[in-house]
Amino acid sequence: MPSKPPVTTLSRQHAARILGLDAKLEKNLLIPFREVKVQCTIPRDDGTLASYVGFRVQHDNARGPIRGGIRYHPEVTYSAMISRPSISDEVNALAQLMTWKTAVADIPYGGAKGGIGCNPEDLSTTISYRLVLDRQWHGCWMNTQSFMDTPLQLLPANPLDAATGPGVVFAADSLLAEHGKSIADMKFAIQELITFYFLNSFIHQKGGKIVAVSDITGAVRNPDGIDIPALLKHRESNQSMQDFEGTDAMDANELLVQGCDVLIPCALGGVLNKENAADVKAKFIIEGANQPTDPEADEILSKKGVLILPDIYANSAGVTVSYFEWVQDL
């Protein structure tokens, strides 16, 4: 059975039909400009040597230098891309997304995506630092390295969230305002408490009522609203959201169909699909994650009258701030 085309491919085909693009141009937008593989060997803390393989899919450079994040994961290997086309498709899709995202944000970048085959949890701070700064990577990353490509444990704070989180809030605020509403009028269900710390904090500060939230440790809900500052303190002290006073624990997947006005998926792609889309109760969806809504879900939700703010706009603040960093030569 042939594999299902990636979400980005289906979305691109739909957009091409609407825009009336010819087949040649559409094909050019599908095929990546370049795929690069590199390898480096660095000393571990005990003096032994470790080798790491990295790769980069560079989708398009028509608008400027190629830019995109790096994934650190043990399954991110070039051989895996060859043997498991789904991995290659996913990386290429994410590189395409960055091309569209930088164009929507009107910043002079092209799109890319890459990875280094490693388990970040097994890396000390020293090894992480050596791995990121090894000269073997620099040509592969096309000299557009920035804090957006650096493991968070090397940084004093989470710069991705410091840009992307507030950007999602501003995008949501603008969309709601167009429909005569405000954040203070709405109930929210949000995936990711810690990774999108600023997103949760800003919505709470603006008077939005967060009725459900999740992270890697689980999910909690309170239809009357969750005390987000207190939950953040609880999460930091206990390394878990569980047993937070005034909330009920629930399965993390239930968050997507929780009763709310605005749903903000900020975790994995494809979490909204044909199996759960009909049960979504939110009237607005703000895509904080990349590709959280697959085409089947998009069609179901559209028929229900749900408004979806796409990821290439909603979460574009991260790459926009990365551009500001680049032009200031920081």
Protein backbone atom coordinates (compact mmCIF):
# COMPACT_ATOMS: atom_id res chain seq x y z
CA MET A 1 0.00 0.00 0.00
CA PRO A 2 1.49 3.42 -0.92
CA SER A 3 2.23 5.78 1.96
CA LYS A 4 -0.04 8.76 2.52
CA PRO A 5 1.46 12.03 1.20
CA PRO A 6 2.73 14.41 3.90
CA VAL A 7 0.38 17.13 5.08
CA THR A 8 2.57 19.79 3.49
CA THR A 9 2.38 18.07 0.09
CA LEU A 10 -1.41 17.95 0.17
CA SER A 11 -1.64 21.55 1.36
CA ARG A 12 0.78 22.69 -1.33
CA GLN A 13 -1.22 20.87 -4.03
CA HIS A 14 -4.42 22.54 -2.81
CA ALA A 15 -2.76 25.98 -2.77
CA ALA A 16 -1.29 25.39 -6.25
CA ARG A 17 -4.75 24.65 -7.64
CA ILE A 18 -6.18 27.82 -6.09
CA LEU A 19 -3.29 29.94 -7.41
CA GLY A 20 -3.32 28.27 -10.83
CA LEU A 21 0.39 27.34 -10.72
CA ASP A 22 1.70 25.35 -13.67
CA ALA A 23 2.99 21.81 -13.14
CA LYS A 24 6.66 22.77 -13.62
CA LEU A 25 6.63 25.43 -10.92
CA GLU A 26 4.73 23.15 -8.54
CA LYS A 27 7.31 20.41 -9.11
CA ASN A 28 10.13 22.87 -8.39
CA LEU A 29 8.48 23.74 -5.09
CA LEU A 30 8.38 20.06 -4.16
CA ILE A 31 11.99 19.01 -4.80
CA PRO A 32 14.56 20.25 -2.24
CA PHE A 33 17.40 22.42 -3.47
CA ARG A 34 19.99 20.28 -1.67
CA GLU A 35 20.43 17.47 0.86
CA VAL A 36 23.68 17.46 2.85
CA LYS A 37 25.23 14.84 5.13
CA VAL A 38 28.14 15.52 7.51
CA GLN A 39 29.91 13.70 10.32
CA CYS A 40 32.03 14.86 13.23
CA THR A 41 34.06 13.13 15.95
CA ILE A 42 34.43 14.88 19.31
CA PRO A 43 35.91 13.90 22.69
CA ARG A 44 33.56 12.86 25.48
CA ASP A 45 34.09 14.05 29.06
CA ASP A 46 36.03 10.85 29.85
CA GLY A 47 38.40 11.33 26.91
CA THR A 48 36.89 8.71 24.61
CA LEU A 49 35.69 9.70 21.18
CA ALA A 50 32.14 9.80 19.86
CA SER A 51 31.00 10.22 16.27
CA TYR A 52 27.78 11.95 15.26
CA VAL A 53 26.08 12.19 11.90
CA GLY A 54 24.10 15.23 10.89
CA PHE A 55 22.12 16.07 7.80
CA ARG A 56 20.32 19.02 6.31
CA VAL A 57 17.47 19.29 3.82
CA GLN A 58 17.73 22.70 2.16
CA HIS A 59 14.43 23.32 0.43
CA ASP A 60 14.65 26.68 -1.32
CA ASN A 61 16.99 29.70 -1.41
CA ALA A 62 15.09 31.94 -3.82
CA ARG A 63 14.32 34.52 -1.11
CA GLY A 64 17.64 34.44 0.75
CA PRO A 65 19.88 32.31 2.98
CA ILE A 66 18.41 28.96 3.91
CA ARG A 67 17.13 28.83 7.46
CA GLY A 68 15.51 26.21 9.67
CA GLY A 69 15.77 24.35 12.94
CA ILE A 70 17.77 21.30 13.91
CA ARG A 71 16.31 18.22 15.54
CA TYR A 72 18.41 16.33 18.10
CA HIS A 73 17.15 12.74 18.26
CA PRO A 74 18.64 9.22 18.07
CA GLU A 75 16.41 8.31 15.10
CA VAL A 76 17.56 11.29 13.07
CA THR A 77 20.11 9.56 10.85
CA TYR A 78 20.69 9.73 7.13
CA SER A 79 20.40 5.94 6.81
CA ALA A 80 17.01 6.16 8.51
CA MET A 81 15.95 8.70 5.93
CA ILE A 82 16.87 6.26 3.17
CA SER A 83 15.37 3.14 4.75
CA ARG A 84 12.27 4.87 6.15
CA PRO A 85 10.85 7.31 3.58
CA SER A 86 8.43 8.69 6.18
CA ILE A 87 11.38 10.30 8.00
CA SER A 88 12.70 11.85 4.79
CA ASP A 89 9.20 13.05 3.89
CA GLU A 90 8.77 14.60 7.33
CA VAL A 91 12.08 16.47 7.21
CA ASN A 92 11.43 17.69 3.69
CA ALA A 93 7.92 18.76 4.73
CA LEU A 94 9.29 20.76 7.66
CA ALA A 95 11.85 22.38 5.35
CA GLN A 96 9.02 23.35 2.99
CA LEU A 97 7.05 24.78 5.90
CA MET A 98 9.96 27.07 6.75
CA THR A 99 10.03 28.32 3.15
CA TRP A 100 6.34 29.23 3.33
CA LYS A 101 6.68 30.61 6.86
CA THR A 102 9.51 33.02 6.02
CA ALA A 103 7.59 34.16 2.93
CA VAL A 104 4.44 34.85 4.99
CA ALA A 105 6.54 36.76 7.55
CA ASP A 106 8.21 38.59 4.64
CA ILE A 107 11.74 38.00 5.85
CA PRO A 108 14.56 37.19 3.37
CA TYR A 109 15.15 33.54 4.23
CA GLY A 110 14.67 30.23 2.48
CA GLY A 111 13.50 27.07 4.22
CA ALA A 112 15.47 24.13 5.63
CA LYS A 113 15.39 21.43 8.28
CA GLY A 114 18.10 19.22 9.68
CA GLY A 115 19.07 16.90 12.45
CA ILE A 116 21.89 15.38 14.46
CA GLY A 117 21.65 11.75 15.47
CA CYS A 118 22.03 11.76 19.25
CA ASN A 119 20.05 11.45 22.46
CA PRO A 120 20.08 14.90 24.11
CA GLU A 121 19.35 13.37 27.52
CA ASP A 122 22.65 11.49 27.34
CA LEU A 123 24.73 14.57 26.53
CA SER A 124 26.51 16.62 29.15
CA THR A 125 26.57 20.40 28.77
CA THR A 126 30.19 20.21 27.58
CA ILE A 127 29.44 17.60 24.93
CA SER A 128 26.38 19.54 23.76
CA TYR A 129 28.51 22.66 23.41
CA ARG A 130 31.21 20.83 21.43
CA LEU A 131 28.60 19.15 19.25
CA VAL A 132 26.86 22.39 18.31
CA LEU A 133 30.05 24.36 17.65
CA ASP A 134 31.99 21.68 15.74
CA ARG A 135 33.24 23.20 12.49
CA GLN A 136 31.94 20.22 10.48
CA TRP A 137 28.39 21.47 10.88
CA HIS A 138 28.96 25.05 9.79
CA GLY A 139 28.93 24.53 6.03
CA CYS A 140 25.92 22.26 6.36
CA TRP A 141 23.97 24.90 8.27
CA MET A 142 24.84 27.56 5.63
CA ASN A 143 26.15 30.13 8.12
CA THR A 144 22.73 31.02 9.46
CA GLN A 145 23.28 29.36 12.84
CA SER A 146 21.57 31.16 15.69
CA PHE A 147 20.23 30.52 19.15
CA MET A 148 17.24 28.87 17.44
CA ASP A 149 19.55 25.96 16.46
CA THR A 150 21.26 25.61 19.85
CA PRO A 151 20.20 23.02 22.45
CA LEU A 152 18.24 24.80 25.16
CA GLN A 153 20.46 23.44 27.94
CA LEU A 154 23.24 25.71 26.63
CA LEU A 155 21.12 28.81 27.08
CA PRO A 156 20.02 30.77 30.17
CA ALA A 157 16.35 30.70 29.08
CA ASN A 158 14.13 29.32 26.34
CA PRO A 159 14.51 31.87 23.50
CA LEU A 160 12.23 29.87 21.23
CA ASP A 161 9.30 30.29 23.60
CA ALA A 162 10.32 33.88 24.42
CA ALA A 163 9.61 34.68 20.77
CA THR A 164 7.18 32.03 19.55
CA GLY A 165 4.93 31.96 22.63
CA PRO A 166 4.10 35.67 22.67
CA GLY A 167 3.84 35.58 18.88
CA VAL A 168 1.11 32.95 19.13
CA VAL A 169 -0.69 35.16 21.65
CA PHE A 170 -0.49 38.23 19.38
CA ALA A 171 -1.75 36.17 16.45
CA ALA A 172 -4.66 34.82 18.50
CA ASP A 173 -5.47 38.31 19.78
CA SER A 174 -5.60 39.68 16.22
CA LEU A 175 -7.82 36.85 14.96
CA LEU A 176 -10.23 37.21 17.87
CA ALA A 177 -10.36 40.98 17.43
CA GLU A 178 -11.43 40.52 13.80
CA HIS A 179 -14.44 38.63 15.12
CA GLY A 180 -15.31 41.13 17.82
CA LYS A 181 -13.82 39.07 20.65
CA SER A 182 -10.84 39.29 22.97
CA ILE A 183 -8.63 36.90 24.88
CA ALA A 184 -10.34 37.93 28.11
CA ASP A 185 -13.67 36.63 26.73
CA MET A 186 -12.35 33.18 25.87
CA LYS A 187 -11.71 29.78 27.42
CA PHE A 188 -8.49 28.09 26.23
CA ALA A 189 -7.14 24.55 26.02
CA ILE A 190 -3.39 24.53 25.43
CA GLN A 191 -0.94 21.75 24.68
CA GLU A 192 2.47 22.28 26.33
CA LEU A 193 2.84 24.07 29.65
CA ILE A 194 6.62 24.37 30.03
CA THR A 195 7.85 24.55 26.42
CA PHE A 196 5.35 27.37 25.83
CA TYR A 197 5.72 28.99 29.25
CA PHE A 198 5.24 32.52 27.91
CA LEU A 199 2.19 31.55 25.88
CA ASN A 200 0.36 30.26 28.96
CA SER A 201 1.54 33.17 31.12
CA PHE A 202 0.55 35.86 28.60
CA ILE A 203 -2.93 34.45 28.04
CA HIS A 204 -3.43 34.25 31.81
CA GLN A 205 -2.20 37.84 32.23
CA LYS A 206 -4.58 39.04 29.50
CA GLY A 207 -7.52 37.57 31.37
CA GLY A 208 -7.98 34.45 29.27
CA LYS A 209 -9.34 31.45 31.17
CA ILE A 210 -7.16 28.38 30.59
CA VAL A 211 -9.41 25.41 31.34
CA ALA A 212 -7.07 22.61 30.24
CA VAL A 213 -3.32 22.29 29.76
CA SER A 214 -0.89 19.44 29.13
CA ASP A 215 2.78 18.61 28.93
CA ILE A 216 4.95 15.50 28.84
CA THR A 217 3.91 14.61 32.43
CA GLY A 218 0.18 14.56 31.71
CA ALA A 219 -2.79 16.89 31.52
CA VAL A 220 -5.12 18.69 33.95
CA ARG A 221 -8.38 20.59 33.63
CA ASN A 222 -10.70 22.89 35.52
CA PRO A 223 -13.74 24.27 33.67
CA ASP A 224 -13.64 27.35 35.92
CA GLY A 225 -10.04 28.13 34.97
CA ILE A 226 -6.59 27.04 36.15
CA ASP A 227 -4.30 29.21 38.26
CA ILE A 228 -1.39 29.17 35.80
CA PRO A 229 1.26 30.90 38.00
CA ALA A 230 0.52 28.43 40.80
CA LEU A 231 0.58 25.50 38.37
CA LEU A 232 3.96 26.58 37.01
CA LYS A 233 5.36 26.66 40.54
CA HIS A 234 3.86 23.24 41.26
CA ARG A 235 5.32 21.85 38.02
CA GLU A 236 8.78 23.20 38.88
CA SER A 237 8.71 21.85 42.44
CA ASN A 238 7.29 18.42 41.61
CA GLN A 239 8.54 17.92 38.05
CA SER A 240 4.94 17.04 37.18
CA MET A 241 1.53 18.64 36.81
CA GLN A 242 -0.18 15.73 38.53
CA ASP A 243 -1.95 16.27 41.88
CA PHE A 244 -2.21 20.02 41.37
CA GLU A 245 -4.89 21.29 43.72
CA GLY A 246 -8.09 22.50 42.09
CA THR A 247 -7.70 20.45 38.89
CA ASP A 248 -8.67 17.02 37.63
CA ALA A 249 -6.18 14.82 35.81
CA MET A 250 -7.15 13.63 32.36
CA ASP A 251 -5.66 11.82 29.39
CA ALA A 252 -3.57 14.23 27.32
CA ASN A 253 -5.49 13.34 24.15
CA GLU A 254 -8.72 14.49 25.80
CA LEU A 255 -7.39 18.05 25.82
CA LEU A 256 -7.98 18.30 22.07
CA VAL A 257 -11.71 17.72 22.49
CA GLN A 258 -12.09 19.59 25.78
CA GLY A 259 -14.88 22.14 26.03
CA CYS A 260 -13.28 25.52 25.21
CA ASP A 261 -13.48 28.45 22.82
CA VAL A 262 -9.87 28.37 21.60
CA LEU A 263 -7.68 25.29 21.13
CA ILE A 264 -3.91 25.85 20.80
CA PRO A 265 -2.02 22.65 19.85
CA CYS A 266 1.67 23.30 20.50
CA ALA A 267 3.17 19.81 20.60
CA LEU A 268 3.31 17.29 17.75
CA GLY A 269 2.13 17.35 14.18
CA GLY A 270 -1.01 15.52 13.10
CA VAL A 271 -2.71 15.54 16.51
CA LEU A 272 -5.96 16.72 14.93
CA ASN A 273 -7.08 14.05 12.50
CA LYS A 274 -10.18 12.40 11.08
CA GLU A 275 -10.59 10.30 14.24
CA ASN A 276 -11.03 13.25 16.62
CA ALA A 277 -11.87 16.30 14.49
CA ALA A 278 -15.64 15.79 14.73
CA ASP A 279 -15.37 15.90 18.53
CA VAL A 280 -13.44 19.18 18.71
CA LYS A 281 -15.53 21.75 20.58
CA ALA A 282 -13.35 24.83 20.07
CA LYS A 283 -14.51 27.52 17.66
CA PHE A 284 -10.97 28.74 16.99
CA ILE A 285 -7.75 26.75 16.54
CA ILE A 286 -4.39 28.50 16.71
CA GLU A 287 -1.64 26.25 15.33
CA GLY A 288 1.30 26.69 17.68
CA ALA A 289 2.89 23.43 16.50
CA ASN A 290 3.98 22.60 12.97
CA GLN A 291 1.30 20.72 11.01
CA PRO A 292 -0.97 19.86 13.96
CA THR A 293 -4.03 19.56 11.69
CA ASP A 294 -4.04 16.99 8.92
CA PRO A 295 -6.05 17.55 5.70
CA GLU A 296 -8.92 15.25 6.67
CA ALA A 297 -9.34 17.08 9.98
CA ASP A 298 -9.07 20.44 8.24
CA GLU A 299 -11.98 19.54 5.98
CA ILE A 300 -14.11 18.28 8.87
CA LEU A 301 -13.37 21.33 11.01
CA SER A 302 -14.04 23.75 8.17
CA LYS A 303 -17.47 22.20 7.59
CA LYS A 304 -18.17 22.71 11.31
CA GLY A 305 -17.30 26.40 10.97
CA VAL A 306 -14.11 26.18 13.04
CA LEU A 307 -11.60 28.91 12.17
CA ILE A 308 -8.00 27.70 11.95
CA LEU A 309 -5.05 30.09 12.10
CA PRO A 310 -2.30 28.19 10.24
CA ASP A 311 1.10 27.42 11.68
CA ILE A 312 3.06 29.29 9.01
CA TYR A 313 1.58 32.49 10.43
CA ALA A 314 0.72 31.65 14.02
CA ASN A 315 4.16 30.39 15.08
CA SER A 316 6.32 32.51 12.77
CA ALA A 317 7.59 34.83 15.52
CA GLY A 318 10.44 32.45 16.32
CA VAL A 319 12.04 32.67 12.89
CA THR A 320 11.25 36.40 12.74
CA VAL A 321 13.22 37.07 15.92
CA SER A 322 15.95 34.81 14.56
CA TYR A 323 16.14 37.14 11.56
CA PHE A 324 16.46 40.18 13.85
CA GLU A 325 19.28 38.41 15.67
CA TRP A 326 21.03 37.65 12.37
CA VAL A 327 20.87 41.19 10.98
CA GLN A 328 22.14 42.60 14.29
CA ASP A 329 25.08 40.18 14.07
CA LEU A 330 24.52 38.83 17.58
